[in-house]
Amino acid sequence: MTATVQIIIDDNYLQKEVVRQVNERLVDMGVGTWWDMKRLQYETSRSYDWLMEYVVYDLRVQGFAKQKNNRWLFKAQEMKEFLTKFYDEL
């Protein structure tokens, strides 16, 4: 003997719930605290070499960039603001 259970879910409810869940995850993701080079590459869609030449070695970035053990880290909010402010120059 096999028991069968049928669950009926309203499509509109399901769609709204999916959107709510996705938006909640995006808010949780946010800007973050620190970005590494992979995150910077993701945010800018630029190559490692390009970022090194035009962003990382920019003197305006040095105040919130840090290199430790051959790994670059950036304060996320400051980097986001820099990229937005100097977008036309980059």
PDB file of N, CA and C in Angstrom:
ATOM      1  N   MET A   1       0.832  -1.161   0.000  1.00  0.00           N
ATOM      2  CA  MET A   1       0.000   0.000   0.000  1.00  0.00           C
ATOM      3  C   MET A   1       0.895   1.249   0.000  1.00  0.00           C
ATOM      4  N   THR A   2       0.674   2.173  -0.941  1.00  0.00           N
ATOM      5  CA  THR A   2       1.457   3.394  -1.074  1.00  0.00           C
ATOM      6  C   THR A   2       0.559   4.595  -0.853  1.00  0.00           C
ATOM      7  N   ALA A   3       0.998   5.488   0.006  1.00  0.00           N
ATOM      8  CA  ALA A   3       0.234   6.711   0.259  1.00  0.00           C
ATOM      9  C   ALA A   3       0.655   7.773  -0.743  1.00  0.00           C
ATOM     10  N   THR A   4      -0.290   8.498  -1.249  1.00  0.00           N
ATOM     11  CA  THR A   4      -0.015   9.566  -2.206  1.00  0.00           C
ATOM     12  C   THR A   4      -0.522  10.882  -1.635  1.00  0.00           C
ATOM     13  N   VAL A   5       0.323  11.893  -1.733  1.00  0.00           N
ATOM     14  CA  VAL A   5      -0.055  13.218  -1.265  1.00  0.00           C
ATOM     15  C   VAL A   5       0.105  14.175  -2.438  1.00  0.00           C
ATOM     16  N   GLN A   6      -0.911  14.953  -2.681  1.00  0.00           N
ATOM     17  CA  GLN A   6      -0.852  15.931  -3.761  1.00  0.00           C
ATOM     18  C   GLN A   6      -0.824  17.324  -3.139  1.00  0.00           C
ATOM     19  N   ILE A   7       0.167  18.118  -3.550  1.00  0.00           N
ATOM     20  CA  ILE A   7       0.296  19.476  -3.037  1.00  0.00           C
ATOM     21  C   ILE A   7       0.035  20.435  -4.187  1.00  0.00           C
ATOM     22  N   ILE A   8      -0.864  21.347  -3.962  1.00  0.00           N
ATOM     23  CA  ILE A   8      -1.202  22.334  -4.981  1.00  0.00           C
ATOM     24  C   ILE A   8      -0.695  23.692  -4.499  1.00  0.00           C
ATOM     25  N   ILE A   9       0.135  24.320  -5.337  1.00  0.00           N
ATOM     26  CA  ILE A   9       0.710  25.621  -4.993  1.00  0.00           C
ATOM     27  C   ILE A   9       0.299  26.617  -6.061  1.00  0.00           C
ATOM     28  N   ASP A  10      -0.171  27.743  -5.622  1.00  0.00           N
ATOM     29  CA  ASP A  10      -0.572  28.810  -6.528  1.00  0.00           C
ATOM     30  C   ASP A  10       0.667  29.353  -7.251  1.00  0.00           C
ATOM     31  N   ASP A  11       0.622  29.421  -8.579  1.00  0.00           N
ATOM     32  CA  ASP A  11       1.765  29.897  -9.367  1.00  0.00           C
ATOM     33  C   ASP A  11       2.158  31.324  -9.012  1.00  0.00           C
ATOM     34  N   ASN A  12       1.180  32.191  -8.789  1.00  0.00           N
ATOM     35  CA  ASN A  12       1.487  33.585  -8.431  1.00  0.00           C
ATOM     36  C   ASN A  12       2.225  33.653  -7.105  1.00  0.00           C
ATOM     37  N   TYR A  13       1.760  32.880  -6.141  1.00  0.00           N
ATOM     38  CA  TYR A  13       2.434  32.843  -4.840  1.00  0.00           C
ATOM     39  C   TYR A  13       3.871  32.356  -4.989  1.00  0.00           C
ATOM     40  N   LEU A  14       4.045  31.288  -5.750  1.00  0.00           N
ATOM     41  CA  LEU A  14       5.374  30.705  -5.945  1.00  0.00           C
ATOM     42  C   LEU A  14       6.318  31.708  -6.600  1.00  0.00           C
ATOM     43  N   GLN A  15       5.834  32.398  -7.611  1.00  0.00           N
ATOM     44  CA  GLN A  15       6.664  33.390  -8.304  1.00  0.00           C
ATOM     45  C   GLN A  15       7.060  34.527  -7.356  1.00  0.00           C
ATOM     46  N   LYS A  16       6.118  35.032  -6.574  1.00  0.00           N
ATOM     47  CA  LYS A  16       6.419  36.107  -5.624  1.00  0.00           C
ATOM     48  C   LYS A  16       7.412  35.640  -4.562  1.00  0.00           C
ATOM     49  N   GLU A  17       7.262  34.413  -4.112  1.00  0.00           N
ATOM     50  CA  GLU A  17       8.158  33.877  -3.087  1.00  0.00           C
ATOM     51  C   GLU A  17       9.584  33.718  -3.632  1.00  0.00           C
ATOM     52  N   VAL A  18       9.705  33.271  -4.860  1.00  0.00           N
ATOM     53  CA  VAL A  18      11.031  33.130  -5.479  1.00  0.00           C
ATOM     54  C   VAL A  18      11.699  34.498  -5.595  1.00  0.00           C
ATOM     55  N   VAL A  19      10.968  35.484  -6.069  1.00  0.00           N
ATOM     56  CA  VAL A  19      11.516  36.839  -6.193  1.00  0.00           C
ATOM     57  C   VAL A  19      11.933  37.369  -4.828  1.00  0.00           C
ATOM     58  N   ARG A  20      11.110  37.152  -3.818  1.00  0.00           N
ATOM     59  CA  ARG A  20      11.432  37.603  -2.463  1.00  0.00           C
ATOM     60  C   ARG A  20      12.711  36.944  -1.948  1.00  0.00           C
ATOM     61  N   GLN A  21      12.825  35.651  -2.168  1.00  0.00           N
ATOM     62  CA  GLN A  21      14.010  34.915  -1.705  1.00  0.00           C
ATOM     63  C   GLN A  21      15.272  35.387  -2.418  1.00  0.00           C
ATOM     64  N   VAL A  22      15.186  35.583  -3.725  1.00  0.00           N
ATOM     65  CA  VAL A  22      16.343  36.055  -4.500  1.00  0.00           C
ATOM     66  C   VAL A  22      16.758  37.442  -4.019  1.00  0.00           C
ATOM     67  N   ASN A  23      15.796  38.333  -3.857  1.00  0.00           N
ATOM     68  CA  ASN A  23      16.117  39.692  -3.387  1.00  0.00           C
ATOM     69  C   ASN A  23      16.736  39.672  -1.997  1.00  0.00           C
ATOM     70  N   GLU A  24      16.253  38.798  -1.149  1.00  0.00           N
ATOM     71  CA  GLU A  24      16.819  38.671   0.190  1.00  0.00           C
ATOM     72  C   GLU A  24      18.278  38.219   0.121  1.00  0.00           C
ATOM     73  N   ARG A  25      18.576  37.281  -0.738  1.00  0.00           N
ATOM     74  CA  ARG A  25      19.963  36.805  -0.884  1.00  0.00           C
ATOM     75  C   ARG A  25      20.855  37.910  -1.439  1.00  0.00           C
ATOM     76  N   LEU A  26      20.335  38.688  -2.394  1.00  0.00           N
ATOM     77  CA  LEU A  26      21.125  39.780  -2.964  1.00  0.00           C
ATOM     78  C   LEU A  26      21.440  40.835  -1.915  1.00  0.00           C
ATOM     79  N   VAL A  27      20.482  41.139  -1.067  1.00  0.00           N
ATOM     80  CA  VAL A  27      20.719  42.107   0.008  1.00  0.00           C
ATOM     81  C   VAL A  27      21.767  41.553   0.964  1.00  0.00           C
ATOM     82  N   ASP A  28      21.659  40.276   1.282  1.00  0.00           N
ATOM     83  CA  ASP A  28      22.643  39.655   2.172  1.00  0.00           C
ATOM     84  C   ASP A  28      24.041  39.716   1.574  1.00  0.00           C
ATOM     85  N   MET A  29      24.136  39.527   0.248  1.00  0.00           N
ATOM     86  CA  MET A  29      25.425  39.550  -0.425  1.00  0.00           C
ATOM     87  C   MET A  29      26.049  40.937  -0.319  1.00  0.00           C
ATOM     88  N   GLY A  30      25.290  41.948  -0.659  1.00  0.00           N
ATOM     89  CA  GLY A  30      25.716  43.332  -0.544  1.00  0.00           C
ATOM     90  C   GLY A  30      27.108  43.599  -1.089  1.00  0.00           C
ATOM     91  N   VAL A  31      27.645  44.707  -0.685  1.00  0.00           N
ATOM     92  CA  VAL A  31      28.961  45.121  -1.131  1.00  0.00           C
ATOM     93  C   VAL A  31      30.038  44.292  -0.443  1.00  0.00           C
ATOM     94  N   GLY A  32      29.788  43.914   0.793  1.00  0.00           N
ATOM     95  CA  GLY A  32      30.789  43.176   1.544  1.00  0.00           C
ATOM     96  C   GLY A  32      31.686  44.126   2.313  1.00  0.00           C
ATOM     97  N   THR A  33      32.665  43.573   2.987  1.00  0.00           N
ATOM     98  CA  THR A  33      33.611  44.365   3.765  1.00  0.00           C
ATOM     99  C   THR A  33      34.918  44.520   3.007  1.00  0.00           C
ATOM    100  N   TRP A  34      35.401  43.404   2.470  1.00  0.00           N
ATOM    101  CA  TRP A  34      36.657  43.381   1.720  1.00  0.00           C
ATOM    102  C   TRP A  34      36.418  42.754   0.353  1.00  0.00           C
ATOM    103  N   TRP A  35      37.129  43.262  -0.645  1.00  0.00           N
ATOM    104  CA  TRP A  35      37.158  42.632  -1.960  1.00  0.00           C
ATOM    105  C   TRP A  35      38.569  42.137  -2.198  1.00  0.00           C
ATOM    106  N   ASP A  36      38.684  40.960  -2.786  1.00  0.00           N
ATOM    107  CA  ASP A  36      39.979  40.506  -3.273  1.00  0.00           C
ATOM    108  C   ASP A  36      40.011  40.757  -4.780  1.00  0.00           C
ATOM    109  N   MET A  37      41.073  40.340  -5.444  1.00  0.00           N
ATOM    110  CA  MET A  37      41.190  40.597  -6.877  1.00  0.00           C
ATOM    111  C   MET A  37      40.095  39.879  -7.671  1.00  0.00           C
ATOM    112  N   LYS A  38      39.708  38.699  -7.237  1.00  0.00           N
ATOM    113  CA  LYS A  38      38.646  37.989  -7.962  1.00  0.00           C
ATOM    114  C   LYS A  38      37.336  38.757  -7.897  1.00  0.00           C
ATOM    115  N   ARG A  39      37.025  39.295  -6.729  1.00  0.00           N
ATOM    116  CA  ARG A  39      35.795  40.081  -6.613  1.00  0.00           C
ATOM    117  C   ARG A  39      35.898  41.362  -7.429  1.00  0.00           C
ATOM    118  N   LEU A  40      37.078  41.997  -7.427  1.00  0.00           N
ATOM    119  CA  LEU A  40      37.278  43.212  -8.219  1.00  0.00           C
ATOM    120  C   LEU A  40      37.138  42.909  -9.709  1.00  0.00           C
ATOM    121  N   GLN A  41      37.676  41.780 -10.136  1.00  0.00           N
ATOM    122  CA  GLN A  41      37.517  41.379 -11.529  1.00  0.00           C
ATOM    123  C   GLN A  41      36.043  41.149 -11.852  1.00  0.00           C
ATOM    124  N   TYR A  42      35.328  40.516 -10.948  1.00  0.00           N
ATOM    125  CA  TYR A  42      33.904  40.264 -11.153  1.00  0.00           C
ATOM    126  C   TYR A  42      33.135  41.581 -11.252  1.00  0.00           C
ATOM    127  N   GLU A  43      33.410  42.505 -10.350  1.00  0.00           N
ATOM    128  CA  GLU A  43      32.683  43.774 -10.302  1.00  0.00           C
ATOM    129  C   GLU A  43      32.952  44.646 -11.529  1.00  0.00           C
ATOM    130  N   THR A  44      34.164  44.561 -12.087  1.00  0.00           N
ATOM    131  CA  THR A  44      34.536  45.443 -13.197  1.00  0.00           C
ATOM    132  C   THR A  44      34.537  44.765 -14.557  1.00  0.00           C
ATOM    133  N   SER A  45      34.517  43.447 -14.578  1.00  0.00           N
ATOM    134  CA  SER A  45      34.635  42.677 -15.834  1.00  0.00           C
ATOM    135  C   SER A  45      35.943  43.009 -16.556  1.00  0.00           C
ATOM    136  N   ARG A  46      36.982  43.244 -15.791  1.00  0.00           N
ATOM    137  CA  ARG A  46      38.307  43.553 -16.344  1.00  0.00           C
ATOM    138  C   ARG A  46      39.300  42.476 -15.941  1.00  0.00           C
ATOM    139  N   SER A  47      40.380  42.384 -16.707  1.00  0.00           N
ATOM    140  CA  SER A  47      41.406  41.376 -16.446  1.00  0.00           C
ATOM    141  C   SER A  47      42.294  41.790 -15.275  1.00  0.00           C
ATOM    142  N   TYR A  48      42.992  40.832 -14.744  1.00  0.00           N
ATOM    143  CA  TYR A  48      43.925  41.066 -13.646  1.00  0.00           C
ATOM    144  C   TYR A  48      44.951  42.125 -14.045  1.00  0.00           C
ATOM    145  N   ASP A  49      45.559  41.960 -15.228  1.00  0.00           N
ATOM    146  CA  ASP A  49      46.593  42.896 -15.684  1.00  0.00           C
ATOM    147  C   ASP A  49      46.052  44.316 -15.842  1.00  0.00           C
ATOM    148  N   TRP A  50      44.861  44.450 -16.403  1.00  0.00           N
ATOM    149  CA  TRP A  50      44.262  45.766 -16.579  1.00  0.00           C
ATOM    150  C   TRP A  50      44.016  46.412 -15.227  1.00  0.00           C
ATOM    151  N   LEU A  51      43.468  45.653 -14.284  1.00  0.00           N
ATOM    152  CA  LEU A  51      43.196  46.194 -12.946  1.00  0.00           C
ATOM    153  C   LEU A  51      44.483  46.629 -12.253  1.00  0.00           C
ATOM    154  N   MET A  52      45.529  45.846 -12.404  1.00  0.00           N
ATOM    155  CA  MET A  52      46.802  46.220 -11.788  1.00  0.00           C
ATOM    156  C   MET A  52      47.290  47.552 -12.348  1.00  0.00           C
ATOM    157  N   GLU A  53      47.235  47.691 -13.657  1.00  0.00           N
ATOM    158  CA  GLU A  53      47.773  48.890 -14.295  1.00  0.00           C
ATOM    159  C   GLU A  53      46.931  50.138 -14.032  1.00  0.00           C
ATOM    160  N   TYR A  54      45.611  50.023 -14.130  1.00  0.00           N
ATOM    161  CA  TYR A  54      44.755  51.204 -14.083  1.00  0.00           C
ATOM    162  C   TYR A  54      44.047  51.446 -12.748  1.00  0.00           C
ATOM    163  N   VAL A  55      44.003  50.466 -11.886  1.00  0.00           N
ATOM    164  CA  VAL A  55      43.284  50.654 -10.621  1.00  0.00           C
ATOM    165  C   VAL A  55      44.207  50.463  -9.420  1.00  0.00           C
ATOM    166  N   VAL A  56      44.787  49.294  -9.298  1.00  0.00           N
ATOM    167  CA  VAL A  56      45.545  48.963  -8.085  1.00  0.00           C
ATOM    168  C   VAL A  56      46.720  49.916  -7.866  1.00  0.00           C
ATOM    169  N   TYR A  57      47.439  50.258  -8.914  1.00  0.00           N
ATOM    170  CA  TYR A  57      48.595  51.133  -8.759  1.00  0.00           C
ATOM    171  C   TYR A  57      48.233  52.619  -8.792  1.00  0.00           C
ATOM    172  N   ASP A  58      46.957  52.943  -8.891  1.00  0.00           N
ATOM    173  CA  ASP A  58      46.510  54.333  -8.822  1.00  0.00           C
ATOM    174  C   ASP A  58      46.724  54.823  -7.385  1.00  0.00           C
ATOM    175  N   LEU A  59      47.379  55.947  -7.237  1.00  0.00           N
ATOM    176  CA  LEU A  59      47.696  56.466  -5.895  1.00  0.00           C
ATOM    177  C   LEU A  59      46.445  56.730  -5.058  1.00  0.00           C
ATOM    178  N   ARG A  60      45.329  57.021  -5.717  1.00  0.00           N
ATOM    179  CA  ARG A  60      44.088  57.281  -4.977  1.00  0.00           C
ATOM    180  C   ARG A  60      43.545  56.011  -4.322  1.00  0.00           C
ATOM    181  N   VAL A  61      43.967  54.860  -4.806  1.00  0.00           N
ATOM    182  CA  VAL A  61      43.489  53.581  -4.275  1.00  0.00           C
ATOM    183  C   VAL A  61      44.344  53.123  -3.093  1.00  0.00           C
ATOM    184  N   GLN A  62      45.561  53.597  -3.005  1.00  0.00           N
ATOM    185  CA  GLN A  62      46.495  53.107  -1.992  1.00  0.00           C
ATOM    186  C   GLN A  62      45.989  53.271  -0.555  1.00  0.00           C
ATOM    187  N   GLY A  63      45.109  54.234  -0.312  1.00  0.00           N
ATOM    188  CA  GLY A  63      44.587  54.445   1.027  1.00  0.00           C
ATOM    189  C   GLY A  63      43.664  53.338   1.521  1.00  0.00           C
ATOM    190  N   PHE A  64      43.096  52.574   0.607  1.00  0.00           N
ATOM    191  CA  PHE A  64      42.195  51.499   1.019  1.00  0.00           C
ATOM    192  C   PHE A  64      42.540  50.162   0.373  1.00  0.00           C
ATOM    193  N   ALA A  65      43.758  50.064  -0.147  1.00  0.00           N
ATOM    194  CA  ALA A  65      44.249  48.802  -0.717  1.00  0.00           C
ATOM    195  C   ALA A  65      45.371  48.280   0.172  1.00  0.00           C
ATOM    196  N   LYS A  66      45.482  46.974   0.205  1.00  0.00           N
ATOM    197  CA  LYS A  66      46.495  46.363   1.060  1.00  0.00           C
ATOM    198  C   LYS A  66      46.991  45.089   0.387  1.00  0.00           C
ATOM    199  N   GLN A  67      48.300  44.953   0.325  1.00  0.00           N
ATOM    200  CA  GLN A  67      48.876  43.732  -0.220  1.00  0.00           C
ATOM    201  C   GLN A  67      49.552  42.962   0.894  1.00  0.00           C
ATOM    202  N   LYS A  68      49.184  41.704   1.002  1.00  0.00           N
ATOM    203  CA  LYS A  68      49.782  40.864   2.027  1.00  0.00           C
ATOM    204  C   LYS A  68      49.971  39.475   1.440  1.00  0.00           C
ATOM    205  N   ASN A  69      51.194  38.976   1.518  1.00  0.00           N
ATOM    206  CA  ASN A  69      51.516  37.649   0.972  1.00  0.00           C
ATOM    207  C   ASN A  69      51.093  37.508  -0.483  1.00  0.00           C
ATOM    208  N   ASN A  70      51.416  38.518  -1.272  1.00  0.00           N
ATOM    209  CA  ASN A  70      51.085  38.521  -2.702  1.00  0.00           C
ATOM    210  C   ASN A  70      49.590  38.500  -2.989  1.00  0.00           C
ATOM    211  N   ARG A  71      48.794  38.923  -2.035  1.00  0.00           N
ATOM    212  CA  ARG A  71      47.348  38.953  -2.210  1.00  0.00           C
ATOM    213  C   ARG A  71      46.855  40.367  -1.938  1.00  0.00           C
ATOM    214  N   TRP A  72      46.090  40.908  -2.876  1.00  0.00           N
ATOM    215  CA  TRP A  72      45.542  42.244  -2.716  1.00  0.00           C
ATOM    216  C   TRP A  72      44.170  42.179  -2.075  1.00  0.00           C
ATOM    217  N   LEU A  73      43.934  43.092  -1.141  1.00  0.00           N
ATOM    218  CA  LEU A  73      42.624  43.256  -0.517  1.00  0.00           C
ATOM    219  C   LEU A  73      42.266  44.736  -0.557  1.00  0.00           C
ATOM    220  N   PHE A  74      40.979  45.007  -0.729  1.00  0.00           N
ATOM    221  CA  PHE A  74      40.501  46.378  -0.823  1.00  0.00           C
ATOM    222  C   PHE A  74      39.282  46.532   0.070  1.00  0.00           C
ATOM    223  N   LYS A  75      39.156  47.687   0.711  1.00  0.00           N
ATOM    224  CA  LYS A  75      37.937  47.981   1.453  1.00  0.00           C
ATOM    225  C   LYS A  75      36.823  48.112   0.410  1.00  0.00           C
ATOM    226  N   ALA A  76      35.812  47.301   0.568  1.00  0.00           N
ATOM    227  CA  ALA A  76      34.783  47.167  -0.467  1.00  0.00           C
ATOM    228  C   ALA A  76      34.051  48.471  -0.759  1.00  0.00           C
ATOM    229  N   GLN A  77      33.568  49.137   0.265  1.00  0.00           N
ATOM    230  CA  GLN A  77      32.781  50.353   0.046  1.00  0.00           C
ATOM    231  C   GLN A  77      33.615  51.440  -0.624  1.00  0.00           C
ATOM    232  N   GLU A  78      34.858  51.607  -0.178  1.00  0.00           N
ATOM    233  CA  GLU A  78      35.724  52.627  -0.772  1.00  0.00           C
ATOM    234  C   GLU A  78      36.039  52.298  -2.232  1.00  0.00           C
ATOM    235  N   MET A  79      36.274  51.025  -2.533  1.00  0.00           N
ATOM    236  CA  MET A  79      36.560  50.644  -3.914  1.00  0.00           C
ATOM    237  C   MET A  79      35.342  50.871  -4.795  1.00  0.00           C
ATOM    238  N   LYS A  80      34.179  50.531  -4.297  1.00  0.00           N
ATOM    239  CA  LYS A  80      32.949  50.754  -5.071  1.00  0.00           C
ATOM    240  C   LYS A  80      32.776  52.244  -5.363  1.00  0.00           C
ATOM    241  N   GLU A  81      33.007  53.079  -4.359  1.00  0.00           N
ATOM    242  CA  GLU A  81      32.900  54.529  -4.545  1.00  0.00           C
ATOM    243  C   GLU A  81      33.939  55.041  -5.540  1.00  0.00           C
ATOM    244  N   PHE A  82      35.171  54.531  -5.461  1.00  0.00           N
ATOM    245  CA  PHE A  82      36.224  54.921  -6.391  1.00  0.00           C
ATOM    246  C   PHE A  82      35.826  54.568  -7.821  1.00  0.00           C
ATOM    247  N   LEU A  83      35.366  53.342  -8.029  1.00  0.00           N
ATOM    248  CA  LEU A  83      34.985  52.900  -9.367  1.00  0.00           C
ATOM    249  C   LEU A  83      33.842  53.733  -9.926  1.00  0.00           C
ATOM    250  N   THR A  84      32.914  54.105  -9.078  1.00  0.00           N
ATOM    251  CA  THR A  84      31.785  54.923  -9.524  1.00  0.00           C
ATOM    252  C   THR A  84      32.239  56.346  -9.844  1.00  0.00           C
ATOM    253  N   LYS A  85      33.025  56.917  -8.957  1.00  0.00           N
ATOM    254  CA  LYS A  85      33.460  58.311  -9.121  1.00  0.00           C
ATOM    255  C   LYS A  85      34.365  58.489 -10.345  1.00  0.00           C
ATOM    256  N   PHE A  86      35.262  57.554 -10.570  1.00  0.00           N
ATOM    257  CA  PHE A  86      36.241  57.712 -11.644  1.00  0.00           C
ATOM    258  C   PHE A  86      35.955  56.808 -12.845  1.00  0.00           C
ATOM    259  N   TYR A  87      34.708  56.412 -12.980  1.00  0.00           N
ATOM    260  CA  TYR A  87      34.302  55.523 -14.074  1.00  0.00           C
ATOM    261  C   TYR A  87      34.747  56.044 -15.442  1.00  0.00           C
ATOM    262  N   ASP A  88      34.529  57.333 -15.693  1.00  0.00           N
ATOM    263  CA  ASP A  88      34.871  57.898 -17.000  1.00  0.00           C
ATOM    264  C   ASP A  88      36.374  57.889 -17.275  1.00  0.00           C
ATOM    265  N   GLU A  89      37.186  57.933 -16.223  1.00  0.00           N
ATOM    266  CA  GLU A  89      38.636  57.906 -16.401  1.00  0.00           C
ATOM    267  C   GLU A  89      39.164  56.504 -16.670  1.00  0.00           C
ATOM    268  N   LEU A  90      38.435  55.501 -16.223  1.00  0.00           N
ATOM    269  CA  LEU A  90      38.937  54.128 -16.321  1.00  0.00           C
ATOM    270  C   LEU A  90      38.680  53.520 -17.673  1.00  0.00           C
TER     271      LEU A  90
END
